[in-house]
C-alpha cells in the first residue's frame, strides 16, 4: 500500500501495523497480481467504500485513510461517513484527494466529485454530475463535534502541491446509524 505496514517511531520502537486494504476493484487487482506471479504482497479485500462498516465493523480501526478514491465513489459523503464510522474513538481519519479532479477530468468515468478548501479552510465537496440547486457540502460542518481537524503540521504532512489535498481529523465522538441518518443529511443537499 502507499501507507506501508511499518512506521518509524522514536528509537528503539517500531510499530508493526495490521493494514486492511479495501477496494471495489480488488478482484481485478488479484487477477493482475496472479497473472504476474506476485504473491508476497498485501492483498486488497473487496469492499465498496460506501459499505465499510459492513466489511470491517464500526469503531474497529485506529486509523482510516482514503487515498485518491473518494472522488471515485458513487456517494462520496457516505464513503467519508463510513471511514469515520469504522475508526475508533480517538483514532485518525485521513483523506488524500486532488482538488477539483472531476472538473479537471471533465466528469469522465468515476470522476463525479470535486473537493476543495473554502476561504475558511474547510473541506468542501460537490457532486459535479448533479444538476440541482444545492450539491455542495461543507465536510467540516457536517462532522463538527465528531471530528477535530488537524493541521498538516500536527499530522506530519509536508510537501503537498497546490493541487493536492490531504487532511486528517481526530475522531472525538462516537457515531451510530441514528446520528448518520437522523441529523438531516438532506439539509446538506445529498441524501444518503
Protein backbone atom coordinates (compact mmCIF):
# COMPACT_ATOMS: atom_id res chain seq x y z
CA UNK A 1 0.00 0.00 0.00
CA UNK A 2 1.01 3.65 -0.23
CA UNK A 3 0.67 3.73 3.54
CA UNK A 4 3.01 0.81 4.22
CA UNK A 5 3.00 -1.58 7.18
CA UNK A 6 5.85 -0.30 9.39
CA UNK A 7 6.01 3.11 10.98
CA UNK A 8 9.24 4.57 12.34
CA UNK A 9 8.90 5.86 15.86
CA UNK A 10 11.41 7.12 18.36
CA UNK A 11 14.17 4.56 18.83
CA UNK A 12 14.11 1.77 19.77
CA UNK A 13 10.41 1.41 18.92
CA UNK A 14 8.97 0.32 15.59
CA UNK A 15 5.25 -0.08 15.16
CA UNK A 16 4.04 -3.08 13.18
CA UNK A 17 0.58 -2.32 11.91
CA UNK A 18 -2.10 -4.61 10.64
CA UNK A 19 -3.21 -2.98 7.43
CA UNK A 20 -6.53 -3.85 5.83
CA UNK A 21 -6.73 -2.54 2.28
CA UNK A 22 -10.16 -2.48 0.64
CA UNK A 23 -11.34 -1.50 -2.82
CA UNK A 24 -14.30 -2.37 -5.04
CA UNK A 25 -11.79 -3.27 -7.78
CA UNK A 26 -9.98 -5.85 -5.61
CA UNK A 27 -10.87 -8.83 -7.85
CA UNK A 28 -9.25 -7.03 -10.79
CA UNK A 29 -6.10 -6.34 -8.72
CA UNK A 30 -5.93 -10.01 -7.68
CA UNK A 31 -6.12 -11.09 -11.30
CA UNK A 32 -3.26 -8.79 -12.29
CA UNK A 33 -1.08 -9.88 -9.35
CA UNK A 34 -1.78 -13.55 -10.09
CA UNK A 35 -1.04 -13.10 -13.79
CA UNK A 36 2.41 -11.74 -12.96
CA UNK A 37 3.09 -14.18 -10.12
CA UNK A 38 3.13 -11.59 -7.36
CA UNK A 39 2.14 -13.33 -4.14
CA UNK A 40 4.26 -11.70 -1.41
CA UNK A 41 2.27 -8.51 -1.03
CA UNK A 42 -0.71 -7.29 0.92
CA UNK A 43 -3.85 -8.34 -0.92
CA UNK A 44 -6.73 -5.92 -1.17
CA UNK A 45 -10.14 -7.13 0.00
CA UNK A 46 -13.30 -6.39 -1.94
CA UNK A 47 -15.39 -3.66 -0.30
CA UNK A 48 -17.03 -0.55 -1.71
CA UNK A 49 -16.19 2.44 0.48
CA UNK A 50 -19.89 3.10 0.99
CA UNK A 51 -20.10 -0.27 2.85
CA UNK A 52 -17.04 -0.15 5.12
CA UNK A 53 -18.96 -0.82 8.34
CA UNK A 54 -20.41 -4.00 6.81
CA UNK A 55 -16.94 -5.17 5.71
CA UNK A 56 -14.81 -4.03 8.67
CA UNK A 57 -17.20 -3.22 11.51
CA UNK A 58 -17.86 0.01 13.37
CA UNK A 59 -15.22 1.52 15.69
CA UNK A 60 -12.72 -1.16 14.66
CA UNK A 61 -9.60 0.60 13.30
CA UNK A 62 -7.13 3.09 14.76
CA UNK A 63 -6.69 4.95 11.50
CA UNK A 64 -8.67 5.13 8.30
CA UNK A 65 -7.18 6.67 5.20
CA UNK A 66 -8.72 7.24 1.80
CA UNK A 67 -6.10 7.87 -0.88
CA UNK A 68 -7.28 9.26 -4.21
CA UNK A 69 -10.51 7.28 -4.08
CA UNK A 70 -13.23 9.46 -2.59
CA UNK A 71 -13.82 11.24 -5.90
CA UNK A 72 -14.46 7.82 -7.49
CA UNK A 73 -17.20 6.85 -5.01
CA UNK A 74 -20.80 6.55 -6.07
CA UNK A 75 -21.64 8.52 -2.91
CA UNK A 76 -18.58 10.32 -1.55
CA UNK A 77 -20.41 11.66 1.52
CA UNK A 78 -21.47 8.14 2.52
CA UNK A 79 -17.95 6.85 1.83
CA UNK A 80 -16.48 9.53 4.10
CA UNK A 81 -19.06 8.76 6.77
CA UNK A 82 -18.19 5.06 6.58
CA UNK A 83 -14.47 5.76 7.03
CA UNK A 84 -15.30 7.77 10.16
CA UNK A 85 -17.66 5.09 11.41
CA UNK A 86 -15.07 2.29 11.26
CA UNK A 87 -12.49 4.40 13.15
CA UNK A 88 -12.21 4.06 16.93
CA UNK A 89 -12.79 6.98 19.26
CA UNK A 90 -9.54 8.95 19.37
CA UNK A 91 -8.39 7.47 16.05
CA UNK A 92 -7.37 9.31 12.92
CA UNK A 93 -9.47 9.72 9.78
CA UNK A 94 -7.41 10.97 6.83
CA UNK A 95 -8.26 11.76 3.23
CA UNK A 96 -6.00 12.50 0.28
CA UNK A 97 -7.53 13.90 -2.88
CA UNK A 98 -6.77 16.08 -5.85
CA UNK A 99 -8.51 19.46 -5.91
CA UNK A 100 -11.44 19.65 -8.33
CA UNK A 101 -10.48 16.38 -10.04
CA UNK A 102 -13.95 15.84 -11.55
CA UNK A 103 -13.82 19.19 -13.34
CA UNK A 104 -10.25 18.55 -14.45
CA UNK A 105 -11.24 15.11 -15.80
CA UNK A 106 -14.46 16.54 -17.33
CA UNK A 107 -16.58 14.10 -15.28
CA UNK A 108 -15.09 11.16 -17.19
CA UNK A 109 -15.68 7.69 -15.77
CA UNK A 110 -15.72 7.58 -11.98
CA UNK A 111 -14.78 11.26 -11.57
CA UNK A 112 -18.04 12.78 -10.32
CA UNK A 113 -16.91 14.59 -7.15
CA UNK A 114 -14.89 17.75 -6.66
CA UNK A 115 -13.09 18.54 -3.42
CA UNK A 116 -11.71 21.90 -2.45
CA UNK A 117 -10.94 24.09 0.54
CA UNK A 118 -13.10 27.15 1.13
CA UNK A 119 -11.86 30.55 2.29
CA UNK A 120 -12.19 29.46 5.94
CA UNK A 121 -10.03 26.36 5.45
CA UNK A 122 -12.99 23.91 5.47
CA UNK A 123 -13.10 20.91 3.16
CA UNK A 124 -15.98 21.13 0.74
CA UNK A 125 -17.24 18.58 -1.74
CA UNK A 126 -19.56 18.84 -4.70
CA UNK A 127 -21.10 16.24 -6.98
CA UNK A 128 -20.48 17.68 -10.42
CA UNK A 129 -22.90 15.22 -12.05
CA UNK A 130 -25.85 16.55 -10.04
CA UNK A 131 -27.55 19.49 -11.67
CA UNK A 132 -29.56 20.59 -8.68
CA UNK A 133 -29.74 23.67 -6.53
CA UNK A 134 -27.64 22.52 -3.59
CA UNK A 135 -24.97 19.93 -4.16
CA UNK A 136 -22.09 21.41 -2.17
CA UNK A 137 -21.32 20.04 1.29
CA UNK A 138 -19.01 21.53 3.92
CA UNK A 139 -17.41 18.37 5.35
CA UNK A 140 -16.01 20.15 8.40
CA UNK A 141 -19.51 21.43 9.24
CA UNK A 142 -21.16 18.03 8.70
CA UNK A 143 -18.75 16.32 11.10
CA UNK A 144 -18.48 19.18 13.61
CA UNK A 145 -18.46 17.68 17.10
CA UNK A 146 -17.41 14.28 15.76
CA UNK A 147 -14.12 15.09 14.03
CA UNK A 148 -11.47 17.55 15.16
CA UNK A 149 -9.47 18.79 12.18
CA UNK A 150 -5.69 18.62 12.49
CA UNK A 151 -3.47 20.97 10.55
CA UNK A 152 -0.91 19.34 8.29
CA UNK A 153 1.97 20.02 10.70
CA UNK A 154 0.10 18.18 13.50
CA UNK A 155 -0.48 15.24 11.18
CA UNK A 156 3.14 15.21 9.97
CA UNK A 157 2.18 16.07 6.39
CA UNK A 158 4.68 18.00 4.28
CA UNK A 159 5.44 18.64 0.64
CA UNK A 160 1.92 18.94 -0.76
CA UNK A 161 1.47 20.66 -4.12
CA UNK A 162 -1.20 23.30 -4.67
CA UNK A 163 -3.43 20.72 -6.42
CA UNK A 164 -3.19 18.08 -3.68
CA UNK A 165 -5.36 17.94 -0.59
CA UNK A 166 -4.58 15.88 2.48
CA UNK A 167 -6.36 16.37 5.73
CA UNK A 168 -6.52 14.36 8.94
CA UNK A 169 -9.09 14.50 11.71
CA UNK A 170 -9.15 13.02 15.19
CA UNK A 171 -12.41 11.23 15.95
CA UNK A 172 -13.77 12.81 19.14
CA UNK A 173 -17.25 11.29 19.38
CA UNK A 174 -18.91 8.00 18.56
CA UNK A 175 -21.48 7.91 15.81
CA UNK A 176 -24.23 5.48 15.03
CA UNK A 177 -26.91 4.98 12.44
CA UNK A 178 -29.34 7.37 14.10
CA UNK A 179 -26.67 10.09 14.07
CA UNK A 180 -25.74 9.39 10.48
CA UNK A 181 -29.28 9.32 9.16
CA UNK A 182 -31.09 11.47 11.71
CA UNK A 183 -29.17 14.72 11.54
CA UNK A 184 -30.65 15.74 8.25
CA UNK A 185 -28.19 14.80 5.54
CA UNK A 186 -30.86 16.07 3.21
CA UNK A 187 -30.26 19.52 4.65
CA UNK A 188 -26.85 19.32 3.06
CA UNK A 189 -28.42 18.60 -0.31
CA UNK A 190 -27.29 14.97 -0.56
CA UNK A 191 -29.43 12.18 0.76
CA UNK A 192 -27.59 9.02 1.64
